[in-house]
Amino acid sequence: MALTKDQEDLYRKTMEEAKAQLDTIDEEMEKEIQKARERLAKLQESKRSFRQLYEGAAQLLGIKVDLDAEGSELKQGLNGQAGDKGDSKGQGEAAAQG
């Protein structure tokens, strides 16, 4: 079925508008991705700072701490207490030192 000139013009206009919207969405997505990257970088810097603070305080208190490679999970905390995962053999040391 052949399109009339009016139908062809309508579909071309619709196609051009859809393309413009696609380009706009791509730009918005890139902006949002960049914002997310910047926010993650700030959070990572905060994490490094608080990890240094935590480790420094623990060292001053004579408490041995073991953070995993990412520093996200405490294996042993103050007075031998752990977040979700405790190390029972280190609890006596921390209590004796504290």
N, C-alpha and C. Protein backbone atom coordinates (compact mmCIF):
# COMPACT_ATOMS: atom_id res chain seq x y z
N MET A 1 0.85 -1.17 0.00
CA MET A 1 0.00 0.00 0.00
C MET A 1 0.89 1.24 0.00
N ALA A 2 0.71 2.09 -0.92
CA ALA A 2 1.51 3.30 -1.06
C ALA A 2 0.96 4.40 -0.16
N LEU A 3 1.87 5.21 0.34
CA LEU A 3 1.46 6.32 1.20
C LEU A 3 1.17 7.54 0.34
N THR A 4 0.23 8.30 0.79
CA THR A 4 -0.03 9.58 0.12
C THR A 4 1.06 10.55 0.53
N LYS A 5 1.16 11.65 -0.15
CA LYS A 5 2.17 12.67 0.16
C LYS A 5 1.97 13.19 1.59
N ASP A 6 0.72 13.42 1.99
CA ASP A 6 0.42 13.90 3.36
C ASP A 6 0.84 12.86 4.41
N GLN A 7 0.56 11.60 4.16
CA GLN A 7 0.94 10.54 5.09
C GLN A 7 2.46 10.44 5.20
N GLU A 8 3.13 10.51 4.06
CA GLU A 8 4.59 10.44 4.04
C GLU A 8 5.18 11.60 4.83
N ASP A 9 4.64 12.81 4.64
CA ASP A 9 5.12 13.98 5.38
C ASP A 9 4.89 13.80 6.89
N LEU A 10 3.72 13.29 7.24
CA LEU A 10 3.39 13.07 8.65
C LEU A 10 4.37 12.08 9.28
N TYR A 11 4.64 10.96 8.59
CA TYR A 11 5.55 9.95 9.14
C TYR A 11 6.99 10.45 9.21
N ARG A 12 7.40 11.25 8.23
CA ARG A 12 8.76 11.83 8.27
C ARG A 12 8.88 12.79 9.46
N LYS A 13 7.85 13.60 9.65
CA LYS A 13 7.87 14.54 10.78
C LYS A 13 7.88 13.77 12.10
N THR A 14 7.09 12.74 12.20
CA THR A 14 7.04 11.91 13.40
C THR A 14 8.40 11.26 13.65
N MET A 15 9.02 10.77 12.58
CA MET A 15 10.33 10.13 12.70
C MET A 15 11.37 11.14 13.17
N GLU A 16 11.36 12.35 12.64
CA GLU A 16 12.32 13.38 13.04
C GLU A 16 12.13 13.77 14.51
N GLU A 17 10.88 13.88 14.94
CA GLU A 17 10.60 14.22 16.34
C GLU A 17 11.06 13.11 17.28
N ALA A 18 10.84 11.87 16.86
CA ALA A 18 11.27 10.73 17.68
C ALA A 18 12.80 10.71 17.78
N LYS A 19 13.48 11.00 16.67
CA LYS A 19 14.95 11.04 16.68
C LYS A 19 15.45 12.13 17.62
N ALA A 20 14.81 13.31 17.57
CA ALA A 20 15.21 14.41 18.45
C ALA A 20 15.00 14.01 19.91
N GLN A 21 13.92 13.33 20.23
CA GLN A 21 13.67 12.88 21.60
C GLN A 21 14.71 11.85 22.02
N LEU A 22 15.07 10.95 21.11
CA LEU A 22 16.10 9.96 21.43
C LEU A 22 17.42 10.64 21.76
N ASP A 23 17.79 11.65 20.97
CA ASP A 23 19.03 12.38 21.23
C ASP A 23 18.98 13.09 22.57
N THR A 24 17.84 13.68 22.89
CA THR A 24 17.68 14.38 24.16
C THR A 24 17.81 13.41 25.33
N ILE A 25 17.20 12.25 25.19
CA ILE A 25 17.27 11.24 26.25
C ILE A 25 18.71 10.77 26.43
N ASP A 26 19.43 10.57 25.33
CA ASP A 26 20.84 10.16 25.43
C ASP A 26 21.65 11.21 26.19
N GLU A 27 21.42 12.48 25.91
CA GLU A 27 22.13 13.55 26.62
C GLU A 27 21.80 13.54 28.10
N GLU A 28 20.52 13.37 28.43
CA GLU A 28 20.11 13.32 29.84
C GLU A 28 20.74 12.13 30.55
N MET A 29 20.78 11.00 29.86
CA MET A 29 21.38 9.81 30.47
C MET A 29 22.85 10.05 30.76
N GLU A 30 23.57 10.66 29.85
CA GLU A 30 24.99 10.95 30.06
C GLU A 30 25.20 11.89 31.25
N LYS A 31 24.33 12.89 31.37
CA LYS A 31 24.43 13.82 32.50
C LYS A 31 24.21 13.08 33.82
N GLU A 32 23.21 12.21 33.86
CA GLU A 32 22.92 11.46 35.08
C GLU A 32 24.04 10.49 35.42
N ILE A 33 24.61 9.87 34.42
CA ILE A 33 25.73 8.96 34.65
C ILE A 33 26.92 9.73 35.22
N GLN A 34 27.18 10.91 34.68
CA GLN A 34 28.29 11.73 35.18
C GLN A 34 28.04 12.15 36.63
N LYS A 35 26.80 12.52 36.96
CA LYS A 35 26.47 12.87 38.35
C LYS A 35 26.72 11.68 39.27
N ALA A 36 26.31 10.50 38.82
CA ALA A 36 26.50 9.30 39.64
C ALA A 36 27.98 9.02 39.85
N ARG A 37 28.78 9.19 38.80
CA ARG A 37 30.23 8.96 38.94
C ARG A 37 30.84 9.94 39.93
N GLU A 38 30.42 11.20 39.85
CA GLU A 38 30.95 12.20 40.77
C GLU A 38 30.55 11.89 42.21
N ARG A 39 29.31 11.47 42.41
CA ARG A 39 28.84 11.13 43.75
C ARG A 39 29.60 9.92 44.30
N LEU A 40 29.82 8.93 43.45
CA LEU A 40 30.59 7.76 43.89
C LEU A 40 32.01 8.14 44.27
N ALA A 41 32.61 9.02 43.52
CA ALA A 41 33.98 9.46 43.83
C ALA A 41 34.01 10.16 45.19
N LYS A 42 33.00 10.98 45.48
CA LYS A 42 32.93 11.65 46.78
C LYS A 42 32.74 10.64 47.91
N LEU A 43 31.88 9.68 47.68
CA LEU A 43 31.65 8.65 48.70
C LEU A 43 32.91 7.83 48.95
N GLN A 44 33.63 7.49 47.90
CA GLN A 44 34.86 6.73 48.06
C GLN A 44 35.89 7.52 48.86
N GLU A 45 35.97 8.82 48.61
CA GLU A 45 36.90 9.66 49.37
C GLU A 45 36.49 9.72 50.83
N SER A 46 35.19 9.86 51.10
CA SER A 46 34.71 9.85 52.48
C SER A 46 35.03 8.53 53.16
N LYS A 47 34.85 7.45 52.43
CA LYS A 47 35.12 6.13 52.99
C LYS A 47 36.59 6.02 53.36
N ARG A 48 37.49 6.49 52.48
CA ARG A 48 38.92 6.44 52.79
C ARG A 48 39.24 7.28 54.03
N SER A 49 38.63 8.44 54.12
CA SER A 49 38.88 9.32 55.27
C SER A 49 38.41 8.69 56.57
N PHE A 50 37.20 8.15 56.57
CA PHE A 50 36.68 7.54 57.79
C PHE A 50 37.43 6.27 58.14
N ARG A 51 37.91 5.57 57.13
CA ARG A 51 38.70 4.37 57.42
C ARG A 51 40.00 4.77 58.11
N GLN A 52 40.64 5.84 57.63
CA GLN A 52 41.87 6.31 58.28
C GLN A 52 41.58 6.75 59.70
N LEU A 53 40.48 7.45 59.90
CA LEU A 53 40.10 7.90 61.24
C LEU A 53 39.87 6.70 62.15
N TYR A 54 39.12 5.72 61.66
CA TYR A 54 38.82 4.52 62.44
C TYR A 54 40.11 3.77 62.81
N GLU A 55 40.96 3.56 61.81
CA GLU A 55 42.19 2.82 62.06
C GLU A 55 43.12 3.60 62.99
N GLY A 56 43.17 4.92 62.84
CA GLY A 56 44.01 5.74 63.72
C GLY A 56 43.53 5.69 65.16
N ALA A 57 42.21 5.79 65.35
CA ALA A 57 41.66 5.72 66.71
C ALA A 57 41.91 4.35 67.32
N ALA A 58 41.73 3.31 66.52
CA ALA A 58 41.97 1.96 67.02
C ALA A 58 43.44 1.78 67.42
N GLN A 59 44.34 2.33 66.60
CA GLN A 59 45.76 2.21 66.92
C GLN A 59 46.09 2.94 68.21
N LEU A 60 45.53 4.13 68.39
CA LEU A 60 45.78 4.88 69.63
C LEU A 60 45.24 4.14 70.85
N LEU A 61 44.14 3.43 70.67
CA LEU A 61 43.56 2.66 71.77
C LEU A 61 44.21 1.30 71.95
N GLY A 62 45.10 0.95 71.05
CA GLY A 62 45.78 -0.34 71.14
C GLY A 62 44.89 -1.50 70.73
N ILE A 63 43.92 -1.22 69.92
CA ILE A 63 43.00 -2.25 69.46
C ILE A 63 43.38 -2.65 68.05
N LYS A 64 43.53 -3.94 67.85
CA LYS A 64 43.88 -4.45 66.53
C LYS A 64 42.59 -4.62 65.73
N VAL A 65 42.56 -4.04 64.55
CA VAL A 65 41.38 -4.17 63.69
C VAL A 65 41.81 -4.79 62.38
N ASP A 66 40.88 -5.50 61.77
CA ASP A 66 41.14 -6.13 60.49
C ASP A 66 39.97 -5.80 59.57
N LEU A 67 40.20 -4.87 58.68
CA LEU A 67 39.17 -4.53 57.70
C LEU A 67 39.43 -5.34 56.45
N ASP A 68 38.35 -5.78 55.78
CA ASP A 68 38.56 -6.53 54.54
C ASP A 68 39.20 -5.62 53.50
N ALA A 69 39.53 -6.15 52.36
CA ALA A 69 40.26 -5.41 51.33
C ALA A 69 39.54 -4.12 50.93
N GLU A 70 38.24 -4.13 50.92
CA GLU A 70 37.47 -2.94 50.56
C GLU A 70 37.21 -2.05 51.76
N GLY A 71 37.44 -2.56 52.96
CA GLY A 71 37.23 -1.77 54.16
C GLY A 71 35.76 -1.61 54.50
N SER A 72 34.92 -2.43 53.91
CA SER A 72 33.49 -2.24 54.13
C SER A 72 32.94 -3.07 55.29
N GLU A 73 33.69 -4.02 55.75
CA GLU A 73 33.17 -4.91 56.78
C GLU A 73 34.17 -5.00 57.93
N LEU A 74 33.72 -4.75 59.11
CA LEU A 74 34.59 -4.83 60.27
C LEU A 74 34.67 -6.27 60.73
N LYS A 75 35.87 -6.76 60.90
CA LYS A 75 36.02 -8.11 61.40
C LYS A 75 36.14 -8.11 62.91
N GLN A 76 36.72 -7.03 63.46
CA GLN A 76 36.81 -6.88 64.90
C GLN A 76 36.75 -5.41 65.21
N GLY A 77 35.93 -5.05 66.16
CA GLY A 77 35.78 -3.64 66.49
C GLY A 77 36.25 -3.34 67.89
N LEU A 78 35.76 -2.25 68.45
CA LEU A 78 36.14 -1.85 69.80
C LEU A 78 35.74 -2.91 70.80
N ASN A 79 36.59 -3.12 71.79
CA ASN A 79 36.37 -4.11 72.85
C ASN A 79 36.06 -5.49 72.31
N GLY A 80 36.60 -5.80 71.14
CA GLY A 80 36.41 -7.13 70.59
C GLY A 80 35.04 -7.35 70.00
N GLN A 81 34.21 -6.32 69.96
CA GLN A 81 32.88 -6.46 69.39
C GLN A 81 32.98 -6.30 67.89
N ALA A 82 32.21 -7.07 67.17
CA ALA A 82 32.21 -6.96 65.71
C ALA A 82 30.84 -6.54 65.25
N GLY A 83 30.79 -6.04 64.01
CA GLY A 83 29.51 -5.68 63.42
C GLY A 83 28.64 -6.91 63.31
N ASP A 84 28.73 -7.60 62.20
CA ASP A 84 27.98 -8.82 62.00
C ASP A 84 28.86 -10.05 62.11
N LYS A 85 30.16 -9.86 61.95
CA LYS A 85 31.07 -10.99 61.98
C LYS A 85 32.10 -10.75 63.07
N GLY A 86 32.14 -11.60 64.07
CA GLY A 86 33.08 -11.43 65.16
C GLY A 86 34.20 -12.44 65.07
N ASP A 87 35.30 -12.10 65.69
CA ASP A 87 36.44 -12.98 65.77
C ASP A 87 36.66 -13.26 67.25
N SER A 88 36.17 -14.38 67.75
CA SER A 88 36.15 -14.64 69.18
C SER A 88 37.55 -14.73 69.79
N LYS A 89 38.55 -15.16 69.04
CA LYS A 89 39.86 -15.29 69.66
C LYS A 89 40.51 -13.95 69.93
N GLY A 90 40.10 -12.88 69.23
CA GLY A 90 40.66 -11.57 69.45
C GLY A 90 39.96 -10.80 70.54
N GLN A 91 38.85 -11.29 71.04
CA GLN A 91 38.08 -10.57 72.04
C GLN A 91 38.81 -10.47 73.36
N GLY A 92 39.49 -11.51 73.74
CA GLY A 92 40.23 -11.50 74.99
C GLY A 92 41.38 -10.50 74.95
N GLU A 93 42.07 -10.44 73.83
CA GLU A 93 43.16 -9.48 73.66
C GLU A 93 42.68 -8.06 73.82
N ALA A 94 41.58 -7.74 73.17
CA ALA A 94 41.05 -6.38 73.21
C ALA A 94 40.60 -6.03 74.62
N ALA A 95 39.99 -6.98 75.31
CA ALA A 95 39.53 -6.72 76.67
C ALA A 95 40.71 -6.52 77.61
N ALA A 96 41.77 -7.30 77.42
CA ALA A 96 42.94 -7.19 78.25
C ALA A 96 43.67 -5.87 78.02
N GLN A 97 43.67 -5.40 76.78
CA GLN A 97 44.33 -4.16 76.44
C GLN A 97 43.51 -2.95 76.84
N GLY A 98 42.18 -3.06 76.80
CA GLY A 98 41.30 -1.92 77.03
C GLY A 98 41.10 -1.73 78.47
